[in-house]
Amino acid sequence: MATRKATGKESGSAKKTSSGRRSTSSSRKSASKKSSSGRKYSPSAGKNVEQEMHEFKRGTLKPGRSGKKVTSRKQAIAIGLSEARRAGKKVPAPKRKAA
């Protein structure tokens, strides 16, 4: 039984490696053609998000009018990006909800 496991592992890993290489190289080529040059987010926008995350971790981050504490990490990031957009920094437009 020990020999079956050893041969099964070797042949299985060889198949994964060869097929994995083919799929990653083709996906890299297609991804590089589609992507535009440059950054999506400006470094200063990242600093906005960093500040908001710091407040979130300390428990002092409060959104909008409600005055409640932010409890979601995603919400803290969204607040940072929103403030960066308002300040005119380079940040992609927010995703729209599907109707």
PDB file of N, CA and C in Angstrom:
ATOM      1  N   MET A   1       0.811  -1.194   0.000  1.00  0.00           N
ATOM      2  CA  MET A   1       0.000   0.000   0.000  1.00  0.00           C
ATOM      3  C   MET A   1       0.857   1.262   0.000  1.00  0.00           C
ATOM      4  N   ALA A   2       2.027   1.195   0.612  1.00  0.00           N
ATOM      5  CA  ALA A   2       2.886   2.365   0.674  1.00  0.00           C
ATOM      6  C   ALA A   2       3.363   2.773  -0.712  1.00  0.00           C
ATOM      7  N   THR A   3       3.617   1.788  -1.585  1.00  0.00           N
ATOM      8  CA  THR A   3       4.078   2.129  -2.932  1.00  0.00           C
ATOM      9  C   THR A   3       2.971   2.760  -3.756  1.00  0.00           C
ATOM     10  N   ARG A   4       1.739   2.345  -3.556  1.00  0.00           N
ATOM     11  CA  ARG A   4       0.630   2.952  -4.294  1.00  0.00           C
ATOM     12  C   ARG A   4       0.483   4.425  -3.963  1.00  0.00           C
ATOM     13  N   LYS A   5       0.588   4.762  -2.694  1.00  0.00           N
ATOM     14  CA  LYS A   5       0.457   6.159  -2.285  1.00  0.00           C
ATOM     15  C   LYS A   5       1.576   7.001  -2.878  1.00  0.00           C
ATOM     16  N   ALA A   6       2.783   6.486  -2.855  1.00  0.00           N
ATOM     17  CA  ALA A   6       3.921   7.246  -3.358  1.00  0.00           C
ATOM     18  C   ALA A   6       3.784   7.489  -4.852  1.00  0.00           C
ATOM     19  N   THR A   7       3.422   6.452  -5.631  1.00  0.00           N
ATOM     20  CA  THR A   7       3.290   6.645  -7.077  1.00  0.00           C
ATOM     21  C   THR A   7       2.098   7.526  -7.401  1.00  0.00           C
ATOM     22  N   GLY A   8       1.028   7.396  -6.635  1.00  0.00           N
ATOM     23  CA  GLY A   8      -0.153   8.218  -6.878  1.00  0.00           C
ATOM     24  C   GLY A   8       0.127   9.690  -6.647  1.00  0.00           C
ATOM     25  N   LYS A   9       0.903   9.980  -5.624  1.00  0.00           N
ATOM     26  CA  LYS A   9       1.232  11.374  -5.337  1.00  0.00           C
ATOM     27  C   LYS A   9       2.131  11.965  -6.417  1.00  0.00           C
ATOM     28  N   GLU A  10       3.115  11.170  -6.856  1.00  0.00           N
ATOM     29  CA  GLU A  10       4.049  11.670  -7.861  1.00  0.00           C
ATOM     30  C   GLU A  10       3.340  11.978  -9.172  1.00  0.00           C
ATOM     31  N   SER A  11       2.516  11.044  -9.643  1.00  0.00           N
ATOM     32  CA  SER A  11       1.853  11.269 -10.921  1.00  0.00           C
ATOM     33  C   SER A  11       0.848  12.412 -10.809  1.00  0.00           C
ATOM     34  N   GLY A  12       0.169  12.526  -9.675  1.00  0.00           N
ATOM     35  CA  GLY A  12      -0.808  13.595  -9.497  1.00  0.00           C
ATOM     36  C   GLY A  12      -0.154  14.962  -9.468  1.00  0.00           C
ATOM     37  N   SER A  13       0.990  15.074  -8.807  1.00  0.00           N
ATOM     38  CA  SER A  13       1.649  16.371  -8.726  1.00  0.00           C
ATOM     39  C   SER A  13       2.249  16.768 -10.065  1.00  0.00           C
ATOM     40  N   ALA A  14       2.701  15.790 -10.848  1.00  0.00           N
ATOM     41  CA  ALA A  14       3.267  16.106 -12.160  1.00  0.00           C
ATOM     42  C   ALA A  14       2.193  16.662 -13.080  1.00  0.00           C
ATOM     43  N   LYS A  15       0.996  16.090 -13.016  1.00  0.00           N
ATOM     44  CA  LYS A  15      -0.091  16.579 -13.858  1.00  0.00           C
ATOM     45  C   LYS A  15      -0.485  17.996 -13.462  1.00  0.00           C
ATOM     46  N   LYS A  16      -0.551  18.244 -12.175  1.00  0.00           N
ATOM     47  CA  LYS A  16      -0.930  19.579 -11.708  1.00  0.00           C
ATOM     48  C   LYS A  16       0.082  20.613 -12.147  1.00  0.00           C
ATOM     49  N   THR A  17       1.367  20.274 -12.058  1.00  0.00           N
ATOM     50  CA  THR A  17       2.414  21.223 -12.393  1.00  0.00           C
ATOM     51  C   THR A  17       2.380  21.579 -13.873  1.00  0.00           C
ATOM     52  N   SER A  18       2.275  20.562 -14.726  1.00  0.00           N
ATOM     53  CA  SER A  18       2.303  20.850 -16.158  1.00  0.00           C
ATOM     54  C   SER A  18       1.054  21.620 -16.592  1.00  0.00           C
ATOM     55  N   SER A  19      -0.098  21.216 -16.103  1.00  0.00           N
ATOM     56  CA  SER A  19      -1.316  21.936 -16.496  1.00  0.00           C
ATOM     57  C   SER A  19      -1.360  23.313 -15.844  1.00  0.00           C
ATOM     58  N   GLY A  20      -0.823  23.418 -14.637  1.00  0.00           N
ATOM     59  CA  GLY A  20      -0.794  24.704 -13.944  1.00  0.00           C
ATOM     60  C   GLY A  20       0.061  25.713 -14.677  1.00  0.00           C
ATOM     61  N   ARG A  21       1.158  25.248 -15.215  1.00  0.00           N
ATOM     62  CA  ARG A  21       2.047  26.165 -15.944  1.00  0.00           C
ATOM     63  C   ARG A  21       1.376  26.689 -17.204  1.00  0.00           C
ATOM     64  N   ARG A  22       0.708  25.819 -17.899  1.00  0.00           N
ATOM     65  CA  ARG A  22       0.054  26.251 -19.129  1.00  0.00           C
ATOM     66  C   ARG A  22      -1.028  27.280 -18.854  1.00  0.00           C
ATOM     67  N   SER A  23      -1.839  27.024 -17.843  1.00  0.00           N
ATOM     68  CA  SER A  23      -2.949  27.930 -17.573  1.00  0.00           C
ATOM     69  C   SER A  23      -2.461  29.277 -17.052  1.00  0.00           C
ATOM     70  N   THR A  24      -1.410  29.288 -16.231  1.00  0.00           N
ATOM     71  CA  THR A  24      -0.951  30.560 -15.690  1.00  0.00           C
ATOM     72  C   THR A  24      -0.260  31.400 -16.749  1.00  0.00           C
ATOM     73  N   SER A  25       0.503  30.769 -17.639  1.00  0.00           N
ATOM     74  CA  SER A  25       1.203  31.559 -18.646  1.00  0.00           C
ATOM     75  C   SER A  25       0.215  32.187 -19.619  1.00  0.00           C
ATOM     76  N   SER A  26      -0.821  31.455 -20.009  1.00  0.00           N
ATOM     77  CA  SER A  26      -1.792  32.025 -20.935  1.00  0.00           C
ATOM     78  C   SER A  26      -2.613  33.115 -20.257  1.00  0.00           C
ATOM     79  N   SER A  27      -2.923  32.920 -18.958  1.00  0.00           N
ATOM     80  CA  SER A  27      -3.703  33.936 -18.265  1.00  0.00           C
ATOM     81  C   SER A  27      -2.875  35.198 -18.030  1.00  0.00           C
ATOM     82  N   ARG A  28      -1.589  35.031 -17.836  1.00  0.00           N
ATOM     83  CA  ARG A  28      -0.732  36.210 -17.658  1.00  0.00           C
ATOM     84  C   ARG A  28      -0.689  37.036 -18.928  1.00  0.00           C
ATOM     85  N   LYS A  29      -0.567  36.368 -20.059  1.00  0.00           N
ATOM     86  CA  LYS A  29      -0.491  37.091 -21.321  1.00  0.00           C
ATOM     87  C   LYS A  29      -1.776  37.865 -21.576  1.00  0.00           C
ATOM     88  N   SER A  30      -2.927  37.227 -21.370  1.00  0.00           N
ATOM     89  CA  SER A  30      -4.181  37.901 -21.628  1.00  0.00           C
ATOM     90  C   SER A  30      -4.412  39.037 -20.635  1.00  0.00           C
ATOM     91  N   ALA A  31      -3.975  38.843 -19.393  1.00  0.00           N
ATOM     92  CA  ALA A  31      -4.159  39.877 -18.389  1.00  0.00           C
ATOM     93  C   ALA A  31      -3.290  41.088 -18.705  1.00  0.00           C
ATOM     94  N   SER A  32      -2.069  40.868 -19.193  1.00  0.00           N
ATOM     95  CA  SER A  32      -1.181  41.985 -19.469  1.00  0.00           C
ATOM     96  C   SER A  32      -1.683  42.816 -20.650  1.00  0.00           C
ATOM     97  N   LYS A  33      -2.361  42.193 -21.600  1.00  0.00           N
ATOM     98  CA  LYS A  33      -2.888  42.934 -22.732  1.00  0.00           C
ATOM     99  C   LYS A  33      -4.049  43.820 -22.324  1.00  0.00           C
ATOM    100  N   LYS A  34      -4.891  43.320 -21.399  1.00  0.00           N
ATOM    101  CA  LYS A  34      -6.080  44.047 -20.993  1.00  0.00           C
ATOM    102  C   LYS A  34      -5.780  45.177 -20.024  1.00  0.00           C
ATOM    103  N   SER A  35      -4.773  45.008 -19.163  1.00  0.00           N
ATOM    104  CA  SER A  35      -4.528  45.998 -18.114  1.00  0.00           C
ATOM    105  C   SER A  35      -3.922  47.269 -18.686  1.00  0.00           C
ATOM    106  N   SER A  36      -4.291  48.394 -18.103  1.00  0.00           N
ATOM    107  CA  SER A  36      -3.744  49.664 -18.526  1.00  0.00           C
ATOM    108  C   SER A  36      -2.511  49.969 -17.690  1.00  0.00           C
ATOM    109  N   SER A  37      -1.673  50.822 -18.196  1.00  0.00           N
ATOM    110  CA  SER A  37      -0.459  51.148 -17.457  1.00  0.00           C
ATOM    111  C   SER A  37      -0.787  52.124 -16.335  1.00  0.00           C
ATOM    112  N   GLY A  38       0.003  52.086 -15.308  1.00  0.00           N
ATOM    113  CA  GLY A  38      -0.181  53.007 -14.197  1.00  0.00           C
ATOM    114  C   GLY A  38      -0.962  52.423 -13.055  1.00  0.00           C
ATOM    115  N   ARG A  39      -1.136  53.242 -12.033  1.00  0.00           N
ATOM    116  CA  ARG A  39      -1.823  52.806 -10.817  1.00  0.00           C
ATOM    117  C   ARG A  39      -3.321  52.992 -10.936  1.00  0.00           C
ATOM    118  N   LYS A  40      -4.054  52.163 -10.194  1.00  0.00           N
ATOM    119  CA  LYS A  40      -5.497  52.369 -10.094  1.00  0.00           C
ATOM    120  C   LYS A  40      -5.793  53.370  -8.990  1.00  0.00           C
ATOM    121  N   TYR A  41      -5.046  53.265  -7.901  1.00  0.00           N
ATOM    122  CA  TYR A  41      -5.235  54.147  -6.741  1.00  0.00           C
ATOM    123  C   TYR A  41      -3.974  54.972  -6.535  1.00  0.00           C
ATOM    124  N   SER A  42      -4.127  56.246  -6.214  1.00  0.00           N
ATOM    125  CA  SER A  42      -2.967  57.083  -5.935  1.00  0.00           C
ATOM    126  C   SER A  42      -2.428  56.742  -4.547  1.00  0.00           C
ATOM    127  N   PRO A  43      -1.138  56.979  -4.309  1.00  0.00           N
ATOM    128  CA  PRO A  43      -0.575  56.703  -2.983  1.00  0.00           C
ATOM    129  C   PRO A  43      -1.269  57.507  -1.877  1.00  0.00           C
ATOM    130  N   SER A  44      -1.704  58.719  -2.195  1.00  0.00           N
ATOM    131  CA  SER A  44      -2.381  59.532  -1.179  1.00  0.00           C
ATOM    132  C   SER A  44      -3.759  58.958  -0.835  1.00  0.00           C
ATOM    133  N   ALA A  45      -4.396  58.268  -1.787  1.00  0.00           N
ATOM    134  CA  ALA A  45      -5.669  57.615  -1.490  1.00  0.00           C
ATOM    135  C   ALA A  45      -5.435  56.466  -0.517  1.00  0.00           C
ATOM    136  N   GLY A  46      -4.315  55.782  -0.671  1.00  0.00           N
ATOM    137  CA  GLY A  46      -3.961  54.717   0.259  1.00  0.00           C
ATOM    138  C   GLY A  46      -3.752  55.238   1.663  1.00  0.00           C
ATOM    139  N   LYS A  47      -3.227  56.452   1.771  1.00  0.00           N
ATOM    140  CA  LYS A  47      -3.030  57.067   3.091  1.00  0.00           C
ATOM    141  C   LYS A  47      -4.375  57.384   3.742  1.00  0.00           C
ATOM    142  N   ASN A  48      -5.356  57.801   2.928  1.00  0.00           N
ATOM    143  CA  ASN A  48      -6.703  58.039   3.456  1.00  0.00           C
ATOM    144  C   ASN A  48      -7.274  56.759   4.054  1.00  0.00           C
ATOM    145  N   VAL A  49      -7.146  55.658   3.317  1.00  0.00           N
ATOM    146  CA  VAL A  49      -7.660  54.375   3.785  1.00  0.00           C
ATOM    147  C   VAL A  49      -6.909  53.956   5.046  1.00  0.00           C
ATOM    148  N   GLU A  50      -5.604  54.198   5.064  1.00  0.00           N
ATOM    149  CA  GLU A  50      -4.784  53.840   6.228  1.00  0.00           C
ATOM    150  C   GLU A  50      -5.248  54.595   7.477  1.00  0.00           C
ATOM    151  N   GLN A  51      -5.562  55.870   7.328  1.00  0.00           N
ATOM    152  CA  GLN A  51      -6.051  56.674   8.457  1.00  0.00           C
ATOM    153  C   GLN A  51      -7.382  56.137   8.978  1.00  0.00           C
ATOM    154  N   GLU A  52      -8.279  55.816   8.052  1.00  0.00           N
ATOM    155  CA  GLU A  52      -9.591  55.310   8.449  1.00  0.00           C
ATOM    156  C   GLU A  52      -9.468  53.954   9.137  1.00  0.00           C
ATOM    157  N   MET A  53      -8.579  53.104   8.655  1.00  0.00           N
ATOM    158  CA  MET A  53      -8.370  51.796   9.286  1.00  0.00           C
ATOM    159  C   MET A  53      -7.794  51.965  10.693  1.00  0.00           C
ATOM    160  N   HIS A  54      -6.949  52.964  10.859  1.00  0.00           N
ATOM    161  CA  HIS A  54      -6.371  53.220  12.181  1.00  0.00           C
ATOM    162  C   HIS A  54      -7.476  53.631  13.156  1.00  0.00           C
ATOM    163  N   GLU A  55      -8.364  54.511  12.723  1.00  0.00           N
ATOM    164  CA  GLU A  55      -9.490  54.930  13.567  1.00  0.00           C
ATOM    165  C   GLU A  55     -10.410  53.748  13.862  1.00  0.00           C
ATOM    166  N   PHE A  56     -10.647  52.927  12.832  1.00  0.00           N
ATOM    167  CA  PHE A  56     -11.499  51.752  12.994  1.00  0.00           C
ATOM    168  C   PHE A  56     -10.931  50.816  14.053  1.00  0.00           C
ATOM    169  N   LYS A  57      -9.636  50.575  13.997  1.00  0.00           N
ATOM    170  CA  LYS A  57      -9.005  49.658  14.954  1.00  0.00           C
ATOM    171  C   LYS A  57      -9.025  50.213  16.377  1.00  0.00           C
ATOM    172  N   ARG A  58      -8.957  51.536  16.501  1.00  0.00           N
ATOM    173  CA  ARG A  58      -9.041  52.149  17.834  1.00  0.00           C
ATOM    174  C   ARG A  58     -10.481  52.216  18.329  1.00  0.00           C
ATOM    175  N   GLY A  59     -11.433  52.060  17.405  1.00  0.00           N
ATOM    176  CA  GLY A  59     -12.846  52.102  17.784  1.00  0.00           C
ATOM    177  C   GLY A  59     -13.429  53.491  17.787  1.00  0.00           C
ATOM    178  N   THR A  60     -12.813  54.421  17.071  1.00  0.00           N
ATOM    179  CA  THR A  60     -13.302  55.805  17.055  1.00  0.00           C
ATOM    180  C   THR A  60     -13.911  56.211  15.716  1.00  0.00           C
ATOM    181  N   LEU A  61     -13.970  55.287  14.756  1.00  0.00           N
ATOM    182  CA  LEU A  61     -14.493  55.617  13.437  1.00  0.00           C
ATOM    183  C   LEU A  61     -16.019  55.587  13.455  1.00  0.00           C
ATOM    184  N   LYS A  62     -16.622  56.718  13.044  1.00  0.00           N
ATOM    185  CA  LYS A  62     -18.081  56.825  13.001  1.00  0.00           C
ATOM    186  C   LYS A  62     -18.483  57.399  11.650  1.00  0.00           C
ATOM    187  N   PRO A  63     -19.376  56.720  10.925  1.00  0.00           N
ATOM    188  CA  PRO A  63     -19.771  57.200   9.601  1.00  0.00           C
ATOM    189  C   PRO A  63     -20.984  58.134   9.658  1.00  0.00           C
ATOM    190  N   GLY A  64     -21.035  59.057   8.738  1.00  0.00           N
ATOM    191  CA  GLY A  64     -22.228  59.861   8.492  1.00  0.00           C
ATOM    192  C   GLY A  64     -22.901  60.482   9.696  1.00  0.00           C
ATOM    193  N   ARG A  65     -24.225  60.481   9.690  1.00  0.00           N
ATOM    194  CA  ARG A  65     -25.013  61.183  10.699  1.00  0.00           C
ATOM    195  C   ARG A  65     -25.367  60.325  11.907  1.00  0.00           C
ATOM    196  N   SER A  66     -25.336  59.001  11.736  1.00  0.00           N
ATOM    197  CA  SER A  66     -25.857  58.138  12.799  1.00  0.00           C
ATOM    198  C   SER A  66     -25.026  58.201  14.077  1.00  0.00           C
ATOM    199  N   GLY A  67     -23.727  58.328  13.951  1.00  0.00           N
ATOM    200  CA  GLY A  67     -22.874  58.391  15.130  1.00  0.00           C
ATOM    201  C   GLY A  67     -22.524  57.037  15.709  1.00  0.00           C
ATOM    202  N   LYS A  68     -22.957  55.950  15.059  1.00  0.00           N
ATOM    203  CA  LYS A  68     -22.627  54.608  15.524  1.00  0.00           C
ATOM    204  C   LYS A  68     -21.206  54.251  15.110  1.00  0.00           C
ATOM    205  N   LYS A  69     -20.585  53.371  15.876  1.00  0.00           N
ATOM    206  CA  LYS A  69     -19.229  52.937  15.539  1.00  0.00           C
ATOM    207  C   LYS A  69     -19.259  51.981  14.361  1.00  0.00           C
ATOM    208  N   VAL A  70     -18.231  52.073  13.517  1.00  0.00           N
ATOM    209  CA  VAL A  70     -18.100  51.153  12.392  1.00  0.00           C
ATOM    210  C   VAL A  70     -17.599  49.826  12.932  1.00  0.00           C
ATOM    211  N   THR A  71     -18.264  48.727  12.537  1.00  0.00           N
ATOM    212  CA  THR A  71     -17.865  47.410  13.021  1.00  0.00           C
ATOM    213  C   THR A  71     -17.314  46.528  11.908  1.00  0.00           C
ATOM    214  N   SER A  72     -17.373  46.990  10.675  1.00  0.00           N
ATOM    215  CA  SER A  72     -16.942  46.197   9.532  1.00  0.00           C
ATOM    216  C   SER A  72     -15.663  46.774   8.933  1.00  0.00           C
ATOM    217  N   ARG A  73     -14.721  45.886   8.667  1.00  0.00           N
ATOM    218  CA  ARG A  73     -13.461  46.290   8.049  1.00  0.00           C
ATOM    219  C   ARG A  73     -13.719  46.833   6.644  1.00  0.00           C
ATOM    220  N   LYS A  74     -14.611  46.178   5.904  1.00  0.00           N
ATOM    221  CA  LYS A  74     -14.937  46.618   4.543  1.00  0.00           C
ATOM    222  C   LYS A  74     -15.548  48.014   4.540  1.00  0.00           C
ATOM    223  N   GLN A  75     -16.371  48.288   5.536  1.00  0.00           N
ATOM    224  CA  GLN A  75     -17.005  49.598   5.620  1.00  0.00           C
ATOM    225  C   GLN A  75     -15.958  50.681   5.899  1.00  0.00           C
ATOM    226  N   ALA A  76     -14.974  50.355   6.726  1.00  0.00           N
ATOM    227  CA  ALA A  76     -13.911  51.312   7.030  1.00  0.00           C
ATOM    228  C   ALA A  76     -13.116  51.642   5.767  1.00  0.00           C
ATOM    229  N   ILE A  77     -12.832  50.640   4.961  1.00  0.00           N
ATOM    230  CA  ILE A  77     -12.103  50.859   3.702  1.00  0.00           C
ATOM    231  C   ILE A  77     -12.956  51.705   2.752  1.00  0.00           C
ATOM    232  N   ALA A  78     -14.256  51.413   2.685  1.00  0.00           N
ATOM    233  CA  ALA A  78     -15.152  52.166   1.812  1.00  0.00           C
ATOM    234  C   ALA A  78     -15.215  53.634   2.214  1.00  0.00           C
ATOM    235  N   ILE A  79     -15.196  53.907   3.502  1.00  0.00           N
ATOM    236  CA  ILE A  79     -15.211  55.287   3.981  1.00  0.00           C
ATOM    237  C   ILE A  79     -13.937  56.009   3.561  1.00  0.00           C
ATOM    238  N   GLY A  80     -12.798  55.331   3.690  1.00  0.00           N
ATOM    239  CA  GLY A  80     -11.519  55.921   3.278  1.00  0.00           C
ATOM    240  C   GLY A  80     -11.488  56.230   1.796  1.00  0.00           C
ATOM    241  N   LEU A  81     -11.980  55.316   0.973  1.00  0.00           N
ATOM    242  CA  LEU A  81     -12.004  55.544  -0.476  1.00  0.00           C
ATOM    243  C   LEU A  81     -12.978  56.659  -0.838  1.00  0.00           C
ATOM    244  N   SER A  82     -14.089  56.715  -0.143  1.00  0.00           N
ATOM    245  CA  SER A  82     -15.077  57.754  -0.387  1.00  0.00           C
ATOM    246  C   SER A  82     -14.496  59.138  -0.094  1.00  0.00           C
ATOM    247  N   GLU A  83     -13.781  59.248   1.006  1.00  0.00           N
ATOM    248  CA  GLU A  83     -13.158  60.535   1.343  1.00  0.00           C
ATOM    249  C   GLU A  83     -12.076  60.904   0.338  1.00  0.00           C
ATOM    250  N   ALA A  84     -11.351  59.913  -0.165  1.00  0.00           N
ATOM    251  CA  ALA A  84     -10.335  60.175  -1.178  1.00  0.00           C
ATOM    252  C   ALA A  84     -10.982  60.683  -2.462  1.00  0.00           C
ATOM    253  N   ARG A  85     -12.129  60.107  -2.836  1.00  0.00           N
ATOM    254  CA  ARG A  85     -12.849  60.574  -4.024  1.00  0.00           C
ATOM    255  C   ARG A  85     -13.298  62.018  -3.863  1.00  0.00           C
ATOM    256  N   ARG A  86     -13.836  62.337  -2.675  1.00  0.00           N
ATOM    257  CA  ARG A  86     -14.300  63.705  -2.420  1.00  0.00           C
ATOM    258  C   ARG A  86     -13.152  64.698  -2.489  1.00  0.00           C
ATOM    259  N   ALA A  87     -11.950  64.260  -2.094  1.00  0.00           N
ATOM    260  CA  ALA A  87     -10.783  65.139  -2.123  1.00  0.00           C
ATOM    261  C   ALA A  87     -10.186  65.243  -3.525  1.00  0.00           C
ATOM    262  N   GLY A  88     -10.726  64.461  -4.487  1.00  0.00           N
ATOM    263  CA  GLY A  88     -10.268  64.549  -5.866  1.00  0.00           C
ATOM    264  C   GLY A  88      -9.051  63.689  -6.165  1.00  0.00           C
ATOM    265  N   LYS A  89      -8.770  62.722  -5.332  1.00  0.00           N
ATOM    266  CA  LYS A  89      -7.623  61.855  -5.553  1.00  0.00           C
ATOM    267  C   LYS A  89      -7.978  60.775  -6.563  1.00  0.00           C
ATOM    268  N   LYS A  90      -6.948  60.135  -7.102  1.00  0.00           N
ATOM    269  CA  LYS A  90      -7.164  59.122  -8.135  1.00  0.00           C
ATOM    270  C   LYS A  90      -7.650  57.821  -7.511  1.00  0.00           C
ATOM    271  N   VAL A  91      -8.951  57.568  -7.668  1.00  0.00           N
ATOM    272  CA  VAL A  91      -9.599  56.366  -7.152  1.00  0.00           C
ATOM    273  C   VAL A  91     -10.658  55.962  -8.174  1.00  0.00           C
ATOM    274  N   PRO A  92     -10.747  54.662  -8.523  1.00  0.00           N
ATOM    275  CA  PRO A  92     -11.801  54.246  -9.467  1.00  0.00           C
ATOM    276  C   PRO A  92     -13.195  54.536  -8.916  1.00  0.00           C
ATOM    277  N   ALA A  93     -14.145  54.685  -9.806  1.00  0.00           N
ATOM    278  CA  ALA A  93     -15.529  54.941  -9.405  1.00  0.00           C
ATOM    279  C   ALA A  93     -16.059  53.759  -8.614  1.00  0.00           C
ATOM    280  N   PRO A  94     -16.967  54.006  -7.668  1.00  0.00           N
ATOM    281  CA  PRO A  94     -17.512  52.899  -6.883  1.00  0.00           C
ATOM    282  C   PRO A  94     -18.344  51.968  -7.761  1.00  0.00           C
ATOM    283  N   LYS A  95     -18.395  50.681  -7.360  1.00  0.00           N
ATOM    284  CA  LYS A  95     -19.180  49.714  -8.110  1.00  0.00           C
ATOM    285  C   LYS A  95     -20.658  50.036  -7.950  1.00  0.00           C
ATOM    286  N   ARG A  96     -21.388  49.904  -9.035  1.00  0.00           N
ATOM    287  CA  ARG A  96     -22.825  50.169  -9.028  1.00  0.00           C
ATOM    288  C   ARG A  96     -23.571  48.882  -8.716  1.00  0.00           C
ATOM    289  N   LYS A  97     -24.686  49.015  -8.035  1.00  0.00           N
ATOM    290  CA  LYS A  97     -25.508  47.852  -7.730  1.00  0.00           C
ATOM    291  C   LYS A  97     -26.234  47.386  -8.983  1.00  0.00           C
ATOM    292  N   ALA A  98     -26.364  46.065  -9.139  1.00  0.00           N
ATOM    293  CA  ALA A  98     -27.082  45.508 -10.292  1.00  0.00           C
ATOM    294  C   ALA A  98     -28.585  45.664 -10.055  1.00  0.00           C
ATOM    295  N   ALA A  99     -29.285  46.094 -11.062  1.00  0.00           N
ATOM    296  CA  ALA A  99     -30.726  46.318 -10.922  1.00  0.00           C
ATOM    297  C   ALA A  99     -31.523  45.055 -11.072  1.00  0.00           C
TER     298      ALA A  99
END
